[in-house]
Every structure is written in structure tokens, then in C-alpha cells.
Amino acid sequence: LMYEIRDMGNKISDSISELTYVTEQSNQKLTNQLSEIDSTMKVGNLINTINTYQNYKNNRRLNS
């Protein structure tokens, strides 16, 4: 009985270690994806700013 209890404890410990590893890998992938989204949003915001400025200049020319 003691052997089985020890074996079960080892299995639980191994499962927790595996779960920790999988969780760390998932968190790393999520962090990378969020970083990519942040970069994409920054580029999008820059393009939007440029377009807004170009529209402003065109409107000024049209209204002059």
C-alpha cells in the first residue's frame, strides 16, 4: 500500500511538472502573439496618422 501511495504521489508530481511546462509554453506563445498584435496596431496607427495629415493638407488646398 505504501508503494502504491508513493507511486501515485510521484505520478501526481510528474503531472504537475508537465502542466507547469505546458502552461509556460502557452504563456510564451501568447506573449509573442500579443507583441505581434501590438506591433501591427502601432503600424496601423502610423498609417492612419499619415492619412489624416494627407487629408488635412488636401482639404486645405481645396478650401483655399
N, C-alpha and C. Protein backbone atom coordinates (compact mmCIF):
# COMPACT_ATOMS: atom_id res chain seq x y z
N LEU A 1 0.84 -1.21 0.00
CA LEU A 1 0.00 0.00 0.00
C LEU A 1 0.88 1.26 0.00
N MET A 2 1.93 1.24 0.79
CA MET A 2 2.83 2.41 0.84
C MET A 2 3.49 2.65 -0.52
N TYR A 3 3.86 1.54 -1.20
CA TYR A 3 4.46 1.67 -2.52
C TYR A 3 3.49 2.32 -3.49
N GLU A 4 2.24 1.90 -3.45
CA GLU A 4 1.23 2.46 -4.35
C GLU A 4 0.97 3.94 -4.06
N ILE A 5 0.96 4.28 -2.78
CA ILE A 5 0.77 5.69 -2.40
C ILE A 5 1.94 6.53 -2.88
N ARG A 6 3.16 6.02 -2.71
CA ARG A 6 4.36 6.74 -3.17
C ARG A 6 4.33 6.87 -4.70
N ASP A 7 3.96 5.79 -5.38
CA ASP A 7 3.88 5.81 -6.84
C ASP A 7 2.85 6.83 -7.31
N MET A 8 1.70 6.85 -6.67
CA MET A 8 0.65 7.81 -7.02
C MET A 8 1.14 9.24 -6.78
N GLY A 9 1.85 9.46 -5.69
CA GLY A 9 2.40 10.79 -5.39
C GLY A 9 3.40 11.21 -6.46
N ASN A 10 4.23 10.28 -6.91
CA ASN A 10 5.19 10.58 -7.97
C ASN A 10 4.48 10.92 -9.28
N LYS A 11 3.43 10.18 -9.59
CA LYS A 11 2.67 10.45 -10.81
C LYS A 11 2.03 11.84 -10.75
N ILE A 12 1.48 12.17 -9.60
CA ILE A 12 0.87 13.50 -9.44
C ILE A 12 1.92 14.58 -9.59
N SER A 13 3.08 14.37 -8.98
CA SER A 13 4.17 15.34 -9.07
C SER A 13 4.63 15.50 -10.51
N ASP A 14 4.78 14.39 -11.23
CA ASP A 14 5.17 14.46 -12.64
C ASP A 14 4.12 15.19 -13.48
N SER A 15 2.86 14.93 -13.19
CA SER A 15 1.79 15.59 -13.94
C SER A 15 1.78 17.09 -13.69
N ILE A 16 2.04 17.48 -12.46
CA ILE A 16 2.10 18.91 -12.13
C ILE A 16 3.28 19.56 -12.85
N SER A 17 4.41 18.88 -12.90
CA SER A 17 5.58 19.42 -13.62
C SER A 17 5.28 19.58 -15.10
N GLU A 18 4.62 18.58 -15.68
CA GLU A 18 4.27 18.65 -17.10
C GLU A 18 3.28 19.79 -17.35
N LEU A 19 2.31 19.93 -16.47
CA LEU A 19 1.33 21.01 -16.61
C LEU A 19 2.02 22.37 -16.50
N THR A 20 2.98 22.50 -15.60
CA THR A 20 3.72 23.74 -15.46
C THR A 20 4.46 24.08 -16.75
N TYR A 21 5.10 23.06 -17.34
CA TYR A 21 5.83 23.27 -18.59
C TYR A 21 4.88 23.71 -19.70
N VAL A 22 3.76 23.03 -19.84
CA VAL A 22 2.79 23.37 -20.89
C VAL A 22 2.25 24.78 -20.67
N THR A 23 1.99 25.14 -19.44
CA THR A 23 1.49 26.47 -19.13
C THR A 23 2.52 27.54 -19.49
N GLU A 24 3.79 27.28 -19.17
CA GLU A 24 4.85 28.23 -19.51
C GLU A 24 4.96 28.40 -21.02
N GLN A 25 4.88 27.31 -21.76
CA GLN A 25 4.95 27.38 -23.22
C GLN A 25 3.76 28.16 -23.78
N SER A 26 2.58 27.91 -23.25
CA SER A 26 1.39 28.62 -23.70
C SER A 26 1.50 30.12 -23.41
N ASN A 27 2.00 30.45 -22.24
CA ASN A 27 2.17 31.86 -21.89
C ASN A 27 3.17 32.54 -22.81
N GLN A 28 4.25 31.83 -23.17
CA GLN A 28 5.26 32.40 -24.07
C GLN A 28 4.66 32.65 -25.45
N LYS A 29 3.89 31.69 -25.96
CA LYS A 29 3.25 31.87 -27.26
C LYS A 29 2.27 33.03 -27.22
N LEU A 30 1.50 33.13 -26.15
CA LEU A 30 0.54 34.22 -26.01
C LEU A 30 1.25 35.57 -25.96
N THR A 31 2.35 35.63 -25.22
CA THR A 31 3.13 36.87 -25.13
C THR A 31 3.64 37.28 -26.50
N ASN A 32 4.15 36.30 -27.27
CA ASN A 32 4.65 36.60 -28.61
C ASN A 32 3.53 37.10 -29.52
N GLN A 33 2.37 36.47 -29.45
CA GLN A 33 1.24 36.88 -30.30
C GLN A 33 0.75 38.27 -29.92
N LEU A 34 0.70 38.55 -28.62
CA LEU A 34 0.29 39.89 -28.19
C LEU A 34 1.29 40.94 -28.63
N SER A 35 2.57 40.59 -28.63
CA SER A 35 3.60 41.51 -29.10
C SER A 35 3.42 41.81 -30.58
N GLU A 36 3.09 40.77 -31.36
CA GLU A 36 2.84 40.97 -32.78
C GLU A 36 1.63 41.86 -33.01
N ILE A 37 0.59 41.65 -32.23
CA ILE A 37 -0.62 42.48 -32.35
C ILE A 37 -0.29 43.93 -32.02
N ASP A 38 0.52 44.13 -30.98
CA ASP A 38 0.91 45.49 -30.59
C ASP A 38 1.68 46.16 -31.72
N SER A 39 2.61 45.43 -32.34
CA SER A 39 3.38 45.99 -33.46
C SER A 39 2.46 46.33 -34.63
N THR A 40 1.53 45.44 -34.93
CA THR A 40 0.60 45.67 -36.02
C THR A 40 -0.25 46.91 -35.76
N MET A 41 -0.69 47.06 -34.52
CA MET A 41 -1.51 48.23 -34.17
C MET A 41 -0.70 49.51 -34.29
N LYS A 42 0.57 49.47 -33.90
CA LYS A 42 1.40 50.67 -34.00
C LYS A 42 1.60 51.08 -35.46
N VAL A 43 1.82 50.08 -36.33
CA VAL A 43 1.96 50.39 -37.76
C VAL A 43 0.64 50.94 -38.29
N GLY A 44 -0.47 50.33 -37.90
CA GLY A 44 -1.78 50.81 -38.34
C GLY A 44 -2.04 52.24 -37.88
N ASN A 45 -1.67 52.54 -36.65
CA ASN A 45 -1.85 53.90 -36.13
C ASN A 45 -0.98 54.90 -36.89
N LEU A 46 0.24 54.49 -37.24
CA LEU A 46 1.13 55.36 -38.00
C LEU A 46 0.54 55.65 -39.39
N ILE A 47 0.06 54.62 -40.05
CA ILE A 47 -0.56 54.80 -41.38
C ILE A 47 -1.79 55.70 -41.27
N ASN A 48 -2.59 55.50 -40.23
CA ASN A 48 -3.78 56.33 -40.02
C ASN A 48 -3.39 57.79 -39.80
N THR A 49 -2.32 58.02 -39.06
CA THR A 49 -1.85 59.38 -38.81
C THR A 49 -1.40 60.04 -40.11
N ILE A 50 -0.66 59.29 -40.91
CA ILE A 50 -0.20 59.82 -42.21
C ILE A 50 -1.40 60.15 -43.10
N ASN A 51 -2.37 59.25 -43.16
CA ASN A 51 -3.57 59.50 -43.97
C ASN A 51 -4.34 60.72 -43.48
N THR A 52 -4.43 60.88 -42.19
CA THR A 52 -5.14 62.03 -41.63
C THR A 52 -4.43 63.33 -42.03
N TYR A 53 -3.11 63.33 -41.93
CA TYR A 53 -2.35 64.52 -42.31
C TYR A 53 -2.51 64.82 -43.80
N GLN A 54 -2.44 63.78 -44.63
CA GLN A 54 -2.62 63.99 -46.07
C GLN A 54 -4.01 64.53 -46.38
N ASN A 55 -5.03 64.01 -45.73
CA ASN A 55 -6.39 64.53 -45.92
C ASN A 55 -6.49 65.98 -45.48
N TYR A 56 -5.84 66.32 -44.38
CA TYR A 56 -5.84 67.70 -43.90
C TYR A 56 -5.22 68.63 -44.94
N LYS A 57 -4.06 68.23 -45.49
CA LYS A 57 -3.40 69.06 -46.49
C LYS A 57 -4.25 69.19 -47.76
N ASN A 58 -4.85 68.07 -48.19
CA ASN A 58 -5.72 68.13 -49.38
C ASN A 58 -6.92 69.04 -49.14
N ASN A 59 -7.54 68.95 -47.98
CA ASN A 59 -8.69 69.80 -47.67
C ASN A 59 -8.29 71.27 -47.62
N ARG A 60 -7.12 71.56 -47.11
CA ARG A 60 -6.64 72.95 -47.07
C ARG A 60 -6.48 73.48 -48.48
N ARG A 61 -5.93 72.67 -49.38
CA ARG A 61 -5.74 73.08 -50.76
C ARG A 61 -7.07 73.31 -51.45
N LEU A 62 -8.02 72.44 -51.18
CA LEU A 62 -9.34 72.55 -51.83
C LEU A 62 -10.09 73.78 -51.33
N ASN A 63 -9.92 74.11 -50.06
CA ASN A 63 -10.65 75.24 -49.48
C ASN A 63 -9.96 76.59 -49.72
N SER A 64 -8.75 76.57 -50.25
CA SER A 64 -8.03 77.83 -50.47
C SER A 64 -8.42 78.48 -51.76
